[in-house]
């Protein structure tokens, strides 16, 4: 695909989901030598997003103004998210969110993520770290399962020769339905 060509847009973010081929953790060249990025494809959620009144509560994760952060880089502290130290979710008034991973072909899995601590609401960087940690645990468990996915879900298979945290990107976290929050994820191909 030629550099600058349009790619499919993420369902929850405006504009194409493209990145310069250089990640902050891999930046060996100047910004002027960036190469075209391989496509990123959104992972469909098996829970519909029906919450319209709280869409403004969605928290986005960007690096250098570009949507998305690599899950593996967040886990290993190899990336600094834009507005990393900004307190998030203060407008919600909630103390915790119920984060659910609704991955195609796998059983849904959820956990509660505390968004307030002794010093108040957590930062965007801390939220990304907590969400990525849960995604990593989910993927580790899913990779150990021996189930055969249906043909319609085969492309979303989790495991060493399939999707791992190494090619997974977190774009945002937001409310989907009453008391359920979803992570907006893409795979980097």
C-alpha atoms as a PDB file:
ATOM      1  CA  UNK A   1       0.000   0.000   0.000  1.00  0.00           C
ATOM      2  CA  UNK A   2       1.525   3.363  -0.988  1.00  0.00           C
ATOM      3  CA  UNK A   3       2.481   5.774   1.751  1.00  0.00           C
ATOM      4  CA  UNK A   4      -0.367   8.106   2.608  1.00  0.00           C
ATOM      5  CA  UNK A   5      -3.049   5.817   1.145  1.00  0.00           C
ATOM      6  CA  UNK A   6      -6.267   5.583   3.095  1.00  0.00           C
ATOM      7  CA  UNK A   7      -6.761   2.648   5.404  1.00  0.00           C
ATOM      8  CA  UNK A   8      -9.967   1.486   7.064  1.00  0.00           C
ATOM      9  CA  UNK A   9     -10.971   3.625   9.991  1.00  0.00           C
ATOM     10  CA  UNK A  10     -11.320   2.368  13.510  1.00  0.00           C
ATOM     11  CA  UNK A  11     -14.982   2.212  14.545  1.00  0.00           C
ATOM     12  CA  UNK A  12     -14.401   4.395  17.601  1.00  0.00           C
ATOM     13  CA  UNK A  13     -11.817   6.898  16.426  1.00  0.00           C
ATOM     14  CA  UNK A  14     -11.966   9.491  13.684  1.00  0.00           C
ATOM     15  CA  UNK A  15      -9.635   9.029  10.755  1.00  0.00           C
ATOM     16  CA  UNK A  16      -7.470   6.169   9.576  1.00  0.00           C
ATOM     17  CA  UNK A  17      -5.589   4.020  12.016  1.00  0.00           C
ATOM     18  CA  UNK A  18      -2.062   4.330  10.646  1.00  0.00           C
ATOM     19  CA  UNK A  19       1.240   4.817  12.327  1.00  0.00           C
ATOM     20  CA  UNK A  20       4.717   5.681  11.187  1.00  0.00           C
ATOM     21  CA  UNK A  21       6.645   2.436  11.019  1.00  0.00           C
ATOM     22  CA  UNK A  22       8.852   3.633  13.878  1.00  0.00           C
ATOM     23  CA  UNK A  23       7.602   3.005  17.371  1.00  0.00           C
ATOM     24  CA  UNK A  24       8.978   5.148  20.190  1.00  0.00           C
ATOM     25  CA  UNK A  25      10.736   2.075  21.580  1.00  0.00           C
ATOM     26  CA  UNK A  26      12.277   1.292  18.181  1.00  0.00           C
ATOM     27  CA  UNK A  27      13.183   4.786  17.011  1.00  0.00           C
ATOM     28  CA  UNK A  28      16.617   4.332  15.435  1.00  0.00           C
ATOM     29  CA  UNK A  29      16.087   6.946  12.744  1.00  0.00           C
ATOM     30  CA  UNK A  30      14.901  10.511  12.557  1.00  0.00           C
ATOM     31  CA  UNK A  31      11.197  11.228  12.066  1.00  0.00           C
ATOM     32  CA  UNK A  32      11.985  12.217   8.485  1.00  0.00           C
ATOM     33  CA  UNK A  33      12.865   8.610   7.554  1.00  0.00           C
ATOM     34  CA  UNK A  34       9.577   7.008   8.596  1.00  0.00           C
ATOM     35  CA  UNK A  35       8.260   4.285   6.308  1.00  0.00           C
ATOM     36  CA  UNK A  36       4.673   3.361   5.489  1.00  0.00           C
ATOM     37  CA  UNK A  37       2.987   1.482   8.294  1.00  0.00           C
ATOM     38  CA  UNK A  38       1.463  -1.939   7.853  1.00  0.00           C
ATOM     39  CA  UNK A  39      -2.291  -1.913   8.357  1.00  0.00           C
ATOM     40  CA  UNK A  40      -3.964  -2.249  11.732  1.00  0.00           C
ATOM     41  CA  UNK A  41      -7.293  -4.025  11.887  1.00  0.00           C
ATOM     42  CA  UNK A  42      -9.888  -3.450  14.596  1.00  0.00           C
ATOM     43  CA  UNK A  43     -10.908  -6.454  16.671  1.00  0.00           C
ATOM     44  CA  UNK A  44     -14.697  -6.648  16.742  1.00  0.00           C
ATOM     45  CA  UNK A  45     -16.294  -6.871  20.161  1.00  0.00           C
ATOM     46  CA  UNK A  46     -18.992  -9.455  20.859  1.00  0.00           C
ATOM     47  CA  UNK A  47     -20.769  -6.956  23.121  1.00  0.00           C
ATOM     48  CA  UNK A  48     -22.607  -4.156  21.354  1.00  0.00           C
ATOM     49  CA  UNK A  49     -21.835  -0.582  22.332  1.00  0.00           C
ATOM     50  CA  UNK A  50     -25.221   0.805  23.354  1.00  0.00           C
ATOM     51  CA  UNK A  51     -24.240   3.477  25.865  1.00  0.00           C
ATOM     52  CA  UNK A  52     -24.715   6.806  24.076  1.00  0.00           C
ATOM     53  CA  UNK A  53     -24.969   9.188  27.001  1.00  0.00           C
ATOM     54  CA  UNK A  54     -21.523   8.310  28.380  1.00  0.00           C
ATOM     55  CA  UNK A  55     -19.442   8.246  25.181  1.00  0.00           C
ATOM     56  CA  UNK A  56     -17.677  11.376  26.380  1.00  0.00           C
ATOM     57  CA  UNK A  57     -16.196   9.235  29.171  1.00  0.00           C
ATOM     58  CA  UNK A  58     -14.062   7.296  26.679  1.00  0.00           C
ATOM     59  CA  UNK A  59     -10.343   7.653  27.342  1.00  0.00           C
ATOM     60  CA  UNK A  60      -8.036   7.586  24.297  1.00  0.00           C
ATOM     61  CA  UNK A  61      -4.401   6.524  24.207  1.00  0.00           C
ATOM     62  CA  UNK A  62      -1.995   8.163  21.761  1.00  0.00           C
ATOM     63  CA  UNK A  63       1.735   8.447  21.175  1.00  0.00           C
ATOM     64  CA  UNK A  64       2.969  11.555  19.398  1.00  0.00           C
ATOM     65  CA  UNK A  65      -0.647  12.451  18.581  1.00  0.00           C
ATOM     66  CA  UNK A  66      -1.171   9.161  16.740  1.00  0.00           C
ATOM     67  CA  UNK A  67      -3.985   6.896  18.019  1.00  0.00           C
ATOM     68  CA  UNK A  68      -3.033   3.683  19.767  1.00  0.00           C
ATOM     69  CA  UNK A  69      -0.292   2.252  21.931  1.00  0.00           C
ATOM     70  CA  UNK A  70       1.351  -1.170  21.617  1.00  0.00           C
ATOM     71  CA  UNK A  71       0.198  -3.374  24.497  1.00  0.00           C
ATOM     72  CA  UNK A  72       3.617  -5.032  24.842  1.00  0.00           C
ATOM     73  CA  UNK A  73       5.387  -1.638  25.049  1.00  0.00           C
ATOM     74  CA  UNK A  74       2.997  -0.405  27.746  1.00  0.00           C
ATOM     75  CA  UNK A  75       3.617  -3.589  29.743  1.00  0.00           C
ATOM     76  CA  UNK A  76       7.399  -3.180  29.515  1.00  0.00           C
ATOM     77  CA  UNK A  77       7.404   0.612  30.110  1.00  0.00           C
ATOM     78  CA  UNK A  78       8.913   1.226  26.662  1.00  0.00           C
ATOM     79  CA  UNK A  79       6.465   3.921  25.591  1.00  0.00           C
ATOM     80  CA  UNK A  80       5.295   7.239  27.005  1.00  0.00           C
ATOM     81  CA  UNK A  81       1.646   7.891  26.262  1.00  0.00           C
ATOM     82  CA  UNK A  82       0.558  11.435  25.397  1.00  0.00           C
ATOM     83  CA  UNK A  83      -0.769  13.161  28.538  1.00  0.00           C
ATOM     84  CA  UNK A  84       0.619  10.267  30.575  1.00  0.00           C
ATOM     85  CA  UNK A  85       0.278  12.113  33.905  1.00  0.00           C
ATOM     86  CA  UNK A  86      -3.196  13.540  33.243  1.00  0.00           C
ATOM     87  CA  UNK A  87      -5.849  12.355  35.708  1.00  0.00           C
ATOM     88  CA  UNK A  88      -8.613  10.504  33.877  1.00  0.00           C
ATOM     89  CA  UNK A  89     -12.263   9.602  34.414  1.00  0.00           C
ATOM     90  CA  UNK A  90     -12.811  12.397  36.941  1.00  0.00           C
ATOM     91  CA  UNK A  91     -16.032  13.390  35.156  1.00  0.00           C
ATOM     92  CA  UNK A  92     -17.513   9.910  35.670  1.00  0.00           C
ATOM     93  CA  UNK A  93     -17.560   9.981  39.442  1.00  0.00           C
ATOM     94  CA  UNK A  94     -16.936   6.223  39.465  1.00  0.00           C
ATOM     95  CA  UNK A  95     -14.398   4.513  41.706  1.00  0.00           C
ATOM     96  CA  UNK A  96     -13.945   1.540  39.426  1.00  0.00           C
ATOM     97  CA  UNK A  97     -14.895   0.354  35.958  1.00  0.00           C
ATOM     98  CA  UNK A  98     -15.960  -3.140  34.930  1.00  0.00           C
ATOM     99  CA  UNK A  99     -13.605  -3.909  32.052  1.00  0.00           C
ATOM    100  CA  UNK A 100     -14.794  -6.781  29.867  1.00  0.00           C
ATOM    101  CA  UNK A 101     -12.798  -8.471  27.120  1.00  0.00           C
ATOM    102  CA  UNK A 102     -15.320  -9.705  24.552  1.00  0.00           C
ATOM    103  CA  UNK A 103     -12.957 -11.348  22.051  1.00  0.00           C
ATOM    104  CA  UNK A 104     -14.535 -13.122  19.049  1.00  0.00           C
ATOM    105  CA  UNK A 105     -14.565 -16.908  19.551  1.00  0.00           C
ATOM    106  CA  UNK A 106     -13.658 -16.771  23.257  1.00  0.00           C
ATOM    107  CA  UNK A 107     -15.679 -16.610  26.441  1.00  0.00           C
ATOM    108  CA  UNK A 108     -16.066 -13.093  27.779  1.00  0.00           C
ATOM    109  CA  UNK A 109     -13.873 -12.213  30.715  1.00  0.00           C
ATOM    110  CA  UNK A 110     -14.078  -9.219  33.002  1.00  0.00           C
ATOM    111  CA  UNK A 111     -12.414  -7.555  35.939  1.00  0.00           C
ATOM    112  CA  UNK A 112     -12.922  -4.450  38.004  1.00  0.00           C
ATOM    113  CA  UNK A 113     -10.308  -1.749  37.529  1.00  0.00           C
ATOM    114  CA  UNK A 114      -9.993   0.817  40.308  1.00  0.00           C
ATOM    115  CA  UNK A 115      -9.757   4.304  38.839  1.00  0.00           C
ATOM    116  CA  UNK A 116      -9.307   6.090  42.161  1.00  0.00           C
ATOM    117  CA  UNK A 117      -6.546   5.652  44.693  1.00  0.00           C
ATOM    118  CA  UNK A 118      -5.398   7.542  47.813  1.00  0.00           C
ATOM    119  CA  UNK A 119      -4.287  10.523  45.740  1.00  0.00           C
ATOM    120  CA  UNK A 120      -7.482  10.737  43.664  1.00  0.00           C
ATOM    121  CA  UNK A 121      -8.188   9.555  40.146  1.00  0.00           C
ATOM    122  CA  UNK A 122      -5.452   7.585  38.414  1.00  0.00           C
ATOM    123  CA  UNK A 123      -3.455   8.891  35.473  1.00  0.00           C
ATOM    124  CA  UNK A 124      -3.851   7.997  31.810  1.00  0.00           C
ATOM    125  CA  UNK A 125      -0.551   6.107  31.956  1.00  0.00           C
ATOM    126  CA  UNK A 126      -1.673   4.084  34.993  1.00  0.00           C
ATOM    127  CA  UNK A 127      -5.025   3.291  33.350  1.00  0.00           C
ATOM    128  CA  UNK A 128      -3.263   2.058  30.205  1.00  0.00           C
ATOM    129  CA  UNK A 129      -0.951  -0.115  32.309  1.00  0.00           C
ATOM    130  CA  UNK A 130      -3.866  -1.673  34.266  1.00  0.00           C
ATOM    131  CA  UNK A 131      -5.902  -2.323  31.112  1.00  0.00           C
ATOM    132  CA  UNK A 132      -2.919  -3.804  29.252  1.00  0.00           C
ATOM    133  CA  UNK A 133      -2.087  -6.030  32.240  1.00  0.00           C
ATOM    134  CA  UNK A 134      -5.599  -7.470  32.174  1.00  0.00           C
ATOM    135  CA  UNK A 135      -5.504  -7.916  28.385  1.00  0.00           C
ATOM    136  CA  UNK A 136      -2.185  -9.761  28.776  1.00  0.00           C
ATOM    137  CA  UNK A 137      -3.641 -12.092  31.439  1.00  0.00           C
ATOM    138  CA  UNK A 138      -6.689 -12.762  29.259  1.00  0.00           C
ATOM    139  CA  UNK A 139      -4.503 -13.583  26.256  1.00  0.00           C
ATOM    140  CA  UNK A 140      -2.238 -15.871  28.289  1.00  0.00           C
ATOM    141  CA  UNK A 141      -5.265 -17.872  29.469  1.00  0.00           C
ATOM    142  CA  UNK A 142      -6.818 -17.914  25.989  1.00  0.00           C
ATOM    143  CA  UNK A 143      -3.589 -19.109  24.353  1.00  0.00           C
ATOM    144  CA  UNK A 144      -3.565 -22.155  26.653  1.00  0.00           C
ATOM    145  CA  UNK A 145      -7.068 -23.203  25.595  1.00  0.00           C
ATOM    146  CA  UNK A 146      -7.272 -26.070  23.143  1.00  0.00           C
ATOM    147  CA  UNK A 147     -10.638 -25.104  21.690  1.00  0.00           C
ATOM    148  CA  UNK A 148     -11.086 -24.949  17.941  1.00  0.00           C
ATOM    149  CA  UNK A 149     -12.532 -21.656  16.780  1.00  0.00           C
ATOM    150  CA  UNK A 150     -15.332 -21.573  14.243  1.00  0.00           C
ATOM    151  CA  UNK A 151     -14.295 -20.489  10.732  1.00  0.00           C
ATOM    152  CA  UNK A 152     -15.906 -17.074  11.280  1.00  0.00           C
ATOM    153  CA  UNK A 153     -13.624 -16.456  14.296  1.00  0.00           C
ATOM    154  CA  UNK A 154     -10.448 -18.197  13.059  1.00  0.00           C
ATOM    155  CA  UNK A 155      -8.698 -14.932  12.151  1.00  0.00           C
ATOM    156  CA  UNK A 156      -8.978 -13.794  15.809  1.00  0.00           C
ATOM    157  CA  UNK A 157      -7.159 -16.823  17.259  1.00  0.00           C
ATOM    158  CA  UNK A 158      -4.877 -16.003  20.166  1.00  0.00           C
ATOM    159  CA  UNK A 159      -1.505 -17.737  20.509  1.00  0.00           C
ATOM    160  CA  UNK A 160       2.142 -17.863  19.479  1.00  0.00           C
ATOM    161  CA  UNK A 161       1.537 -18.198  15.742  1.00  0.00           C
ATOM    162  CA  UNK A 162      -1.501 -15.961  15.813  1.00  0.00           C
ATOM    163  CA  UNK A 163      -2.398 -12.831  17.802  1.00  0.00           C
ATOM    164  CA  UNK A 164      -0.189 -11.962  20.778  1.00  0.00           C
ATOM    165  CA  UNK A 165       0.420  -8.838  22.836  1.00  0.00           C
ATOM    166  CA  UNK A 166       3.363  -8.169  20.488  1.00  0.00           C
ATOM    167  CA  UNK A 167       0.999  -7.227  17.652  1.00  0.00           C
ATOM    168  CA  UNK A 168      -1.892  -5.837  19.690  1.00  0.00           C
ATOM    169  CA  UNK A 169      -2.671  -2.124  20.104  1.00  0.00           C
ATOM    170  CA  UNK A 170      -4.866  -0.382  22.673  1.00  0.00           C
ATOM    171  CA  UNK A 171      -6.720   2.635  21.265  1.00  0.00           C
ATOM    172  CA  UNK A 172      -9.220   3.502  23.977  1.00  0.00           C
ATOM    173  CA  UNK A 173     -11.343   2.356  26.892  1.00  0.00           C
ATOM    174  CA  UNK A 174     -14.959   3.409  27.125  1.00  0.00           C
ATOM    175  CA  UNK A 175     -18.441   2.500  28.316  1.00  0.00           C
ATOM    176  CA  UNK A 176     -20.349   0.019  26.168  1.00  0.00           C
ATOM    177  CA  UNK A 177     -23.411  -0.888  28.196  1.00  0.00           C
ATOM    178  CA  UNK A 178     -24.568  -0.286  31.724  1.00  0.00           C
ATOM    179  CA  UNK A 179     -21.585  -1.038  34.000  1.00  0.00           C
ATOM    180  CA  UNK A 180     -19.517  -2.598  31.174  1.00  0.00           C
ATOM    181  CA  UNK A 181     -16.458  -0.925  29.687  1.00  0.00           C
ATOM    182  CA  UNK A 182     -14.657  -2.224  26.607  1.00  0.00           C
ATOM    183  CA  UNK A 183     -11.123  -1.764  25.357  1.00  0.00           C
ATOM    184  CA  UNK A 184     -10.911  -0.768  21.707  1.00  0.00           C
ATOM    185  CA  UNK A 185      -8.167  -3.004  20.268  1.00  0.00           C
ATOM    186  CA  UNK A 186      -6.443  -3.438  16.917  1.00  0.00           C
ATOM    187  CA  UNK A 187      -3.958  -5.941  15.583  1.00  0.00           C
ATOM    188  CA  UNK A 188      -0.904  -4.783  13.660  1.00  0.00           C
ATOM    189  CA  UNK A 189      -0.277  -6.924  10.592  1.00  0.00           C
END
